[in-house]
Amino acid sequence: MSMPALRRDLLIWFEENARDLPWRRDPSPYHTWVSETMLQQTQVTTVVPYYNAFINRFPYIAVLADATLDDVLKTWEGLGYYRRARNLHKAAGIVVSEHGGELPDDEQALLALPGIGRYTAGAIRSIAFALPAPILDGNVKRVITRLDDIEENIDNGPVERKLWQRASELVDPKRPGVFNEAVMELGATICLPQKPLCLLCPVQKHCLAQDRGTQYERPVRNQRRKVPHYDVVAGIIWHAGDSERFMIAQRPAEGMLGGLWEFPGGKQEPGEHAVNALVRELEEELAIEVEVGEHLLDIDHAFTHFRITLHAYHVRHIGGEPQCLGVDDWRWVTLPELDGFAFARTDRRIIEALQGRSVGR
């Protein structure tokens, strides 16, 4: 493989075929950081409108640092993997207090910020600072694995270290950011996981897997484990003295979906009836007594490592002053007030169902 020829062929292709993405129009350190954070485990088409809204709301790191976490989560609402938003907000505060409001170009300083790992640091340093830093995401792994026809399982630690080394060797020292984006673009649009478009590939003649006919066998990975399924319950808890108001609770900041608001509830134990589970969960989380009423809807939802079916019920509050035992906060609200809070996708489905019928109970 001729390294200069591979770089040349890939860069020529990228210049002619690169997608017009908003963060590429102004690849500042902040824009690169936000976009690469949003793109973690999320498709480009999904990210674009969220990126535009986020940058419009928080145009500079200082603005993001000064914002409340609730405001950040509300802007992020619907994009998922909310830990990314919490880390962005926390890191922005550190950048303002320790780096004068500007992202550093030093790798160790970047890695010290919440939510920034080796890949994101490499993207920021190469794209925004034009430093010859490697990157290694799923797309880049796939491209390198096919270029070099790597037979080893890339989920093994030693193999991943070899891939990082290979990425360091491949990156163009003269145009590192453009080259890294080109490799990612190749993996996203041509060197696809199941059906690589080898006839359209600009580096086909440099690819050992294509030459040997093993491109469909690369990369080698661990077999996926069976995804577990859980039943979860949630209650629309109506105020005993005001038929227009119901309770929402804020999830603990450091847990799953941390900081988001929800209709309180929790996990249903095996063999436990949904109604009994809801009564138990509301007592454990909020120290309240309730009477479970009409079933509202069931929602199937898939997370990264598990699936749930959420069973939502109308509930009447019959006793106990709410306490923050398993939640960070709680409020009595009306349906129109919900637009001011950030909710996960499943809870938004409950809100949609409530909006379609009478709210009084």
Protein backbone atom coordinates (compact mmCIF):
# COMPACT_ATOMS: atom_id res chain seq x y z
CA MET A 1 0.00 0.00 0.00
CA SER A 2 1.36 3.40 -1.01
CA MET A 3 0.52 5.79 1.84
CA PRO A 4 0.88 9.00 -0.23
CA ALA A 5 -1.29 7.54 -3.02
CA LEU A 6 -3.97 6.38 -0.59
CA ARG A 7 -4.11 9.80 1.06
CA ARG A 8 -4.25 11.54 -2.30
CA ASP A 9 -7.04 9.34 -3.66
CA LEU A 10 -9.11 9.65 -0.49
CA LEU A 11 -8.73 13.44 -0.24
CA ILE A 12 -9.64 13.99 -3.90
CA TRP A 13 -12.78 11.89 -3.43
CA PHE A 14 -13.70 13.73 -0.22
CA GLU A 15 -13.34 17.15 -1.79
CA GLU A 16 -15.80 16.12 -4.49
CA ASN A 17 -18.25 14.13 -2.36
CA ALA A 18 -18.22 15.51 1.20
CA ARG A 19 -21.67 16.09 2.62
CA ASP A 20 -22.56 19.69 3.42
CA LEU A 21 -22.86 19.53 7.20
CA PRO A 22 -23.27 22.62 9.41
CA TRP A 23 -20.26 21.93 11.64
CA ARG A 24 -18.01 21.65 8.59
CA ARG A 25 -18.80 25.21 7.53
CA ASP A 26 -17.09 26.58 10.64
CA PRO A 27 -14.92 23.86 12.22
CA SER A 28 -14.06 25.82 15.35
CA PRO A 29 -12.97 23.87 18.44
CA TYR A 30 -16.37 24.46 20.08
CA HIS A 31 -18.38 23.45 17.00
CA THR A 32 -16.24 20.35 16.51
CA TRP A 33 -16.63 19.40 20.16
CA VAL A 34 -20.42 19.77 20.13
CA SER A 35 -20.88 17.96 16.83
CA GLU A 36 -18.59 15.05 17.69
CA THR A 37 -20.30 14.66 21.05
CA MET A 38 -23.73 14.59 19.43
CA LEU A 39 -22.58 12.13 16.76
CA GLN A 40 -21.61 9.51 19.33
CA GLN A 41 -23.97 6.56 18.67
CA THR A 42 -26.31 8.88 16.71
CA GLN A 43 -26.83 9.22 12.95
CA VAL A 44 -25.89 12.40 11.11
CA THR A 45 -29.42 13.04 9.83
CA THR A 46 -30.73 12.94 13.39
CA VAL A 47 -27.98 15.20 14.73
CA VAL A 48 -28.21 18.09 12.22
CA PRO A 49 -31.36 19.82 13.55
CA TYR A 50 -30.29 19.29 17.17
CA TYR A 51 -26.84 20.71 16.43
CA ASN A 52 -28.33 23.80 14.79
CA ALA A 53 -30.71 24.37 17.71
CA PHE A 54 -27.96 23.82 20.29
CA ILE A 55 -25.50 26.24 18.66
CA ASN A 56 -28.26 28.79 18.18
CA ARG A 57 -29.16 28.56 21.89
CA PHE A 58 -25.56 28.30 23.17
CA PRO A 59 -23.37 30.02 20.53
CA TYR A 60 -20.27 30.15 22.75
CA ILE A 61 -18.76 28.03 25.48
CA ALA A 62 -19.34 30.79 28.02
CA VAL A 63 -23.05 30.87 27.20
CA LEU A 64 -23.25 27.10 27.67
CA ALA A 65 -21.39 27.33 30.98
CA ASP A 66 -23.76 30.04 32.26
CA ALA A 67 -26.90 28.11 31.31
CA THR A 68 -28.80 25.93 33.76
CA LEU A 69 -28.62 22.19 33.34
CA ASP A 70 -32.40 22.13 32.87
CA ASP A 71 -32.03 24.51 29.92
CA VAL A 72 -29.30 22.36 28.38
CA LEU A 73 -31.32 19.17 28.80
CA LYS A 74 -34.42 20.84 27.33
CA THR A 75 -32.44 21.85 24.23
CA TRP A 76 -31.05 18.31 24.01
CA GLU A 77 -34.48 16.72 24.57
CA GLY A 78 -35.15 13.84 22.18
CA LEU A 79 -31.53 13.26 21.12
CA GLY A 80 -30.96 10.64 23.80
CA TYR A 81 -27.82 9.57 25.69
CA TYR A 82 -28.31 12.54 28.01
CA ARG A 83 -25.04 12.00 29.83
CA ARG A 84 -23.44 13.64 26.80
CA ALA A 85 -25.38 16.85 27.48
CA ARG A 86 -24.55 16.80 31.19
CA ASN A 87 -20.86 16.33 30.39
CA LEU A 88 -20.87 19.15 27.84
CA HIS A 89 -22.40 21.49 30.40
CA LYS A 90 -19.99 20.46 33.16
CA ALA A 91 -16.95 20.63 30.88
CA ALA A 92 -17.97 24.09 29.62
CA GLY A 93 -17.79 25.37 33.19
CA ILE A 94 -14.29 23.93 33.57
CA VAL A 95 -13.16 25.43 30.25
CA VAL A 96 -14.36 28.86 31.37
CA SER A 97 -12.79 28.64 34.83
CA GLU A 98 -9.51 26.94 33.90
CA HIS A 99 -8.88 27.72 30.21
CA GLY A 100 -10.24 31.21 29.71
CA GLY A 101 -13.31 30.00 27.84
CA GLU A 102 -11.30 28.39 25.01
CA LEU A 103 -10.83 24.67 24.45
CA PRO A 104 -7.15 23.70 24.79
CA ASP A 105 -5.28 21.92 22.01
CA ASP A 106 -3.29 19.78 24.44
CA GLU A 107 -4.42 16.15 24.45
CA GLN A 108 -4.09 15.61 28.20
CA ALA A 109 -5.96 18.82 28.97
CA LEU A 110 -8.79 17.73 26.68
CA LEU A 111 -8.90 14.23 28.16
CA ALA A 112 -9.27 15.76 31.62
CA LEU A 113 -12.62 17.29 30.62
CA PRO A 114 -15.81 15.30 31.37
CA GLY A 115 -17.08 13.35 28.36
CA ILE A 116 -13.98 13.77 26.20
CA GLY A 117 -12.21 10.54 25.38
CA ARG A 118 -9.36 9.75 23.04
CA TYR A 119 -11.54 9.84 19.92
CA THR A 120 -13.17 13.21 20.67
CA ALA A 121 -9.82 14.70 21.67
CA GLY A 122 -8.33 13.49 18.39
CA ALA A 123 -11.21 14.95 16.40
CA ILE A 124 -10.90 18.35 18.09
CA ARG A 125 -7.12 18.47 17.76
CA SER A 126 -7.04 17.39 14.10
CA ILE A 127 -10.14 19.13 12.73
CA ALA A 128 -10.07 22.35 14.74
CA PHE A 129 -6.34 22.76 15.43
CA ALA A 130 -4.86 20.99 12.37
CA LEU A 131 -2.69 18.76 14.55
CA PRO A 132 -1.78 15.25 13.29
CA ALA A 133 -3.90 13.42 15.87
CA PRO A 134 -5.54 10.08 15.03
CA ILE A 135 -9.20 9.21 15.48
CA LEU A 136 -10.82 5.82 15.82
CA ASP A 137 -14.61 5.43 15.77
CA GLY A 138 -16.72 2.64 14.32
CA ASN A 139 -16.42 3.94 10.77
CA VAL A 140 -12.65 4.33 10.95
CA LYS A 141 -12.23 0.89 12.52
CA ARG A 142 -14.17 -0.68 9.66
CA VAL A 143 -12.17 1.13 6.99
CA ILE A 144 -8.80 0.22 8.51
CA THR A 145 -9.86 -3.36 9.14
CA ARG A 146 -10.73 -3.78 5.46
CA LEU A 147 -7.77 -1.84 4.12
CA ASP A 148 -5.39 -4.10 6.05
CA ASP A 149 -7.66 -7.21 5.97
CA ILE A 150 -7.34 -7.68 9.71
CA GLU A 151 -8.49 -11.16 10.72
CA GLU A 152 -8.36 -10.57 14.48
CA ASN A 153 -11.34 -9.67 16.65
CA ILE A 154 -11.34 -5.88 16.94
CA ASP A 155 -13.24 -6.00 20.25
CA ASN A 156 -10.06 -7.31 21.91
CA GLY A 157 -7.97 -4.67 23.66
CA PRO A 158 -4.61 -5.47 22.00
CA VAL A 159 -6.20 -5.31 18.54
CA GLU A 160 -7.79 -1.95 19.29
CA ARG A 161 -4.39 -0.63 20.33
CA LYS A 162 -3.04 -1.81 16.97
CA LEU A 163 -5.86 0.02 15.21
CA TRP A 164 -4.99 3.24 17.06
CA GLN A 165 -1.38 2.84 15.96
CA ARG A 166 -2.49 2.25 12.38
CA ALA A 167 -4.73 5.31 12.48
CA SER A 168 -1.72 7.35 13.64
CA GLU A 169 0.30 6.10 10.67
CA LEU A 170 -2.44 6.81 8.16
CA VAL A 171 -3.36 10.38 9.14
CA ASP A 172 -2.09 12.97 6.67
CA PRO A 173 0.35 15.25 8.55
CA LYS A 174 -0.35 18.14 6.17
CA ARG A 175 -4.16 17.99 6.29
CA PRO A 176 -4.97 15.84 9.35
CA GLY A 177 -8.47 17.18 10.00
CA VAL A 178 -9.64 16.86 6.41
CA PHE A 179 -8.10 13.40 6.17
CA ASN A 180 -9.78 12.18 9.36
CA GLU A 181 -13.13 13.52 8.17
CA ALA A 182 -12.57 11.80 4.83
CA VAL A 183 -11.99 8.42 6.49
CA MET A 184 -15.14 8.85 8.58
CA GLU A 185 -17.09 9.91 5.47
CA LEU A 186 -15.85 6.87 3.59
CA GLY A 187 -17.03 4.57 6.38
CA ALA A 188 -20.39 6.31 6.66
CA THR A 189 -21.26 6.41 2.94
CA ILE A 190 -19.19 3.81 1.03
CA CYS A 191 -17.46 1.29 3.32
CA LEU A 192 -20.77 0.24 4.87
CA PRO A 193 -21.08 -2.51 7.50
CA GLN A 194 -23.18 -5.05 5.58
CA LYS A 195 -23.00 -4.00 1.93
CA PRO A 196 -19.81 -2.07 1.18
CA LEU A 197 -19.97 -0.19 -2.13
CA CYS A 198 -16.55 -1.36 -3.27
CA LEU A 199 -17.04 -0.38 -6.93
CA LEU A 200 -17.50 3.25 -5.83
CA CYS A 201 -14.64 3.25 -3.32
CA PRO A 202 -11.85 5.73 -4.05
CA VAL A 203 -9.27 3.56 -2.25
CA GLN A 204 -10.38 0.22 -3.67
CA LYS A 205 -6.97 -0.48 -5.21
CA HIS A 206 -5.36 -0.01 -1.78
CA CYS A 207 -7.75 -2.40 0.02
CA LEU A 208 -6.43 -5.86 0.89
CA ALA A 209 -9.85 -7.19 1.93
CA GLN A 210 -11.40 -6.22 -1.41
CA ASP A 211 -8.45 -7.76 -3.25
CA ARG A 212 -8.84 -11.03 -1.31
CA GLY A 213 -12.65 -11.03 -1.33
CA THR A 214 -12.95 -10.88 2.45
CA GLN A 215 -14.57 -7.43 2.77
CA TYR A 216 -17.89 -8.96 3.86
CA GLU A 217 -16.10 -10.81 6.67
CA ARG A 218 -14.46 -7.72 8.10
CA PRO A 219 -14.40 -6.51 10.76
CA VAL A 220 -14.47 -9.55 13.05
CA ARG A 221 -16.38 -8.74 16.25
CA ASN A 222 -17.88 -10.46 19.28
CA GLN A 223 -21.32 -11.93 18.77
CA ARG A 224 -24.03 -9.71 20.19
CA ARG A 225 -25.63 -10.85 23.41
CA LYS A 226 -29.37 -11.25 23.65
CA VAL A 227 -30.92 -7.91 24.58
CA PRO A 228 -32.79 -8.17 27.91
CA HIS A 229 -36.34 -6.87 28.29
CA TYR A 230 -37.87 -5.21 31.37
CA ASP A 231 -41.38 -4.13 32.30
CA VAL A 232 -41.56 -0.64 33.78
CA VAL A 233 -44.50 1.21 35.36
CA ALA A 234 -45.29 4.92 35.52
CA GLY A 235 -48.10 6.89 37.13
CA ILE A 236 -49.88 10.08 36.20
CA ILE A 237 -50.47 11.09 39.82
CA TRP A 238 -53.46 13.43 40.04
CA HIS A 239 -53.69 15.94 42.87
CA ALA A 240 -56.52 15.06 45.27
CA GLY A 241 -57.70 18.68 45.54
CA ASP A 242 -57.08 19.96 42.00
CA SER A 243 -58.22 17.87 39.02
CA GLU A 244 -56.00 19.85 36.62
CA ARG A 245 -52.70 19.18 38.37
CA PHE A 246 -50.53 16.08 38.45
CA MET A 247 -47.05 15.23 39.69
CA ILE A 248 -43.79 14.98 37.78
CA ALA A 249 -40.44 14.08 39.31
CA GLN A 250 -36.83 14.77 38.35
CA ARG A 251 -34.55 11.77 37.97
CA PRO A 252 -31.32 11.69 40.03
CA ALA A 253 -28.62 13.71 38.25
CA GLU A 254 -26.03 10.95 38.04
CA GLY A 255 -28.25 8.05 37.04
CA MET A 256 -29.67 6.94 33.71
CA LEU A 257 -31.49 9.85 31.98
CA GLY A 258 -30.17 11.94 34.86
CA GLY A 259 -31.76 15.34 35.35
CA LEU A 260 -34.73 14.65 33.11
CA TRP A 261 -38.29 14.88 34.37
CA GLU A 262 -40.64 11.92 34.31
CA PHE A 263 -43.94 10.47 35.39
CA PRO A 264 -42.81 8.66 38.56
CA GLY A 265 -42.56 4.90 38.70
CA GLY A 266 -39.96 2.22 38.25
CA LYS A 267 -39.08 -1.33 37.36
CA GLN A 268 -41.62 -4.11 37.71
CA GLU A 269 -40.17 -7.18 39.40
CA PRO A 270 -40.60 -10.64 37.77
CA GLY A 271 -44.01 -12.05 38.67
CA GLU A 272 -45.18 -8.76 40.16
CA HIS A 273 -48.43 -7.23 38.92
CA ALA A 274 -48.02 -3.79 37.31
CA VAL A 275 -50.47 -2.17 39.74
CA ASN A 276 -48.65 -3.56 42.78
CA ALA A 277 -45.31 -2.50 41.31
CA LEU A 278 -46.53 1.05 40.81
CA VAL A 279 -47.86 1.34 44.37
CA ARG A 280 -44.56 0.01 45.72
CA GLU A 281 -42.34 2.23 43.54
CA LEU A 282 -44.22 5.42 44.40
CA GLU A 283 -43.96 4.66 48.09
CA GLU A 284 -40.21 3.93 47.78
CA GLU A 285 -39.43 6.96 45.61
CA LEU A 286 -41.79 9.59 47.02
CA ALA A 287 -43.22 8.18 50.28
CA ILE A 288 -46.79 8.62 49.04
CA GLU A 289 -49.87 6.43 49.06
CA VAL A 290 -51.82 6.12 45.84
CA GLU A 291 -54.83 4.46 44.35
CA VAL A 292 -54.17 3.11 40.86
CA GLY A 293 -56.92 3.76 38.35
CA GLU A 294 -57.36 3.55 34.59
CA HIS A 295 -54.62 2.15 32.37
CA LEU A 296 -53.51 4.84 29.89
CA LEU A 297 -51.13 3.13 27.44
CA ASP A 298 -48.18 0.76 26.97
CA ILE A 299 -44.98 1.93 25.28
CA ASP A 300 -42.24 -0.27 23.80
CA HIS A 301 -38.84 1.40 23.69
CA ALA A 302 -35.30 0.22 22.94
CA PHE A 303 -32.22 1.56 24.71
CA THR A 304 -28.67 0.65 23.75
CA HIS A 305 -28.34 -2.46 25.91
CA PHE A 306 -31.91 -3.35 26.83
CA ARG A 307 -35.57 -2.91 25.89
CA ILE A 308 -38.54 -1.92 28.01
CA THR A 309 -42.31 -1.95 27.93
CA LEU A 310 -43.63 0.99 29.92
CA HIS A 311 -47.11 0.58 31.43
CA ALA A 312 -48.67 3.96 32.29
CA TYR A 313 -51.65 4.35 34.63
CA HIS A 314 -53.75 7.17 36.00
CA VAL A 315 -53.18 7.34 39.75
CA ARG A 316 -54.87 9.26 42.57
CA HIS A 317 -52.79 10.65 45.43
CA ILE A 318 -54.50 9.59 48.66
CA GLY A 319 -51.90 10.19 51.35
CA GLY A 320 -48.40 11.21 52.38
CA GLU A 321 -46.44 14.40 51.75
CA PRO A 322 -44.13 13.75 48.78
CA GLN A 323 -40.47 13.36 49.70
CA CYS A 324 -37.34 13.11 47.55
CA LEU A 325 -36.31 9.57 48.45
CA GLY A 326 -35.49 8.24 44.99
CA VAL A 327 -35.84 11.46 42.98
CA ASP A 328 -34.06 14.82 43.00
CA ASP A 329 -37.20 16.97 42.86
CA TRP A 330 -40.95 16.86 42.27
CA ARG A 331 -43.64 19.31 41.16
CA TRP A 332 -47.41 19.60 40.81
CA VAL A 333 -48.00 20.87 37.27
CA THR A 334 -50.71 21.32 34.66
CA LEU A 335 -50.55 19.93 31.15
CA PRO A 336 -49.65 23.27 29.45
CA GLU A 337 -46.73 23.74 31.86
CA LEU A 338 -44.97 20.59 30.66
CA ASP A 339 -43.32 22.40 27.75
CA GLY A 340 -40.95 23.99 30.23
CA PHE A 341 -39.46 20.64 31.31
CA ALA A 342 -37.17 18.16 29.57
CA PHE A 343 -38.55 14.61 29.30
CA ALA A 344 -37.31 11.36 27.82
CA ARG A 345 -38.99 10.04 24.69
CA THR A 346 -41.20 7.56 26.56
CA ASP A 347 -42.59 10.27 28.84
CA ARG A 348 -43.25 12.48 25.82
CA ARG A 349 -45.44 9.66 24.52
CA ILE A 350 -47.44 9.79 27.75
CA ILE A 351 -47.79 13.57 27.37
CA GLU A 352 -49.07 13.11 23.83
CA ALA A 353 -51.65 10.64 25.09
CA LEU A 354 -52.75 13.08 27.79
CA GLN A 355 -53.05 15.89 25.29
CA GLY A 356 -55.45 13.78 23.28
CA ARG A 357 -58.01 13.43 26.04
CA SER A 358 -59.48 15.26 29.03
CA VAL A 359 -56.88 16.04 31.68
CA GLY A 360 -59.25 16.07 34.67
CA ARG A 361 -59.37 12.99 36.86
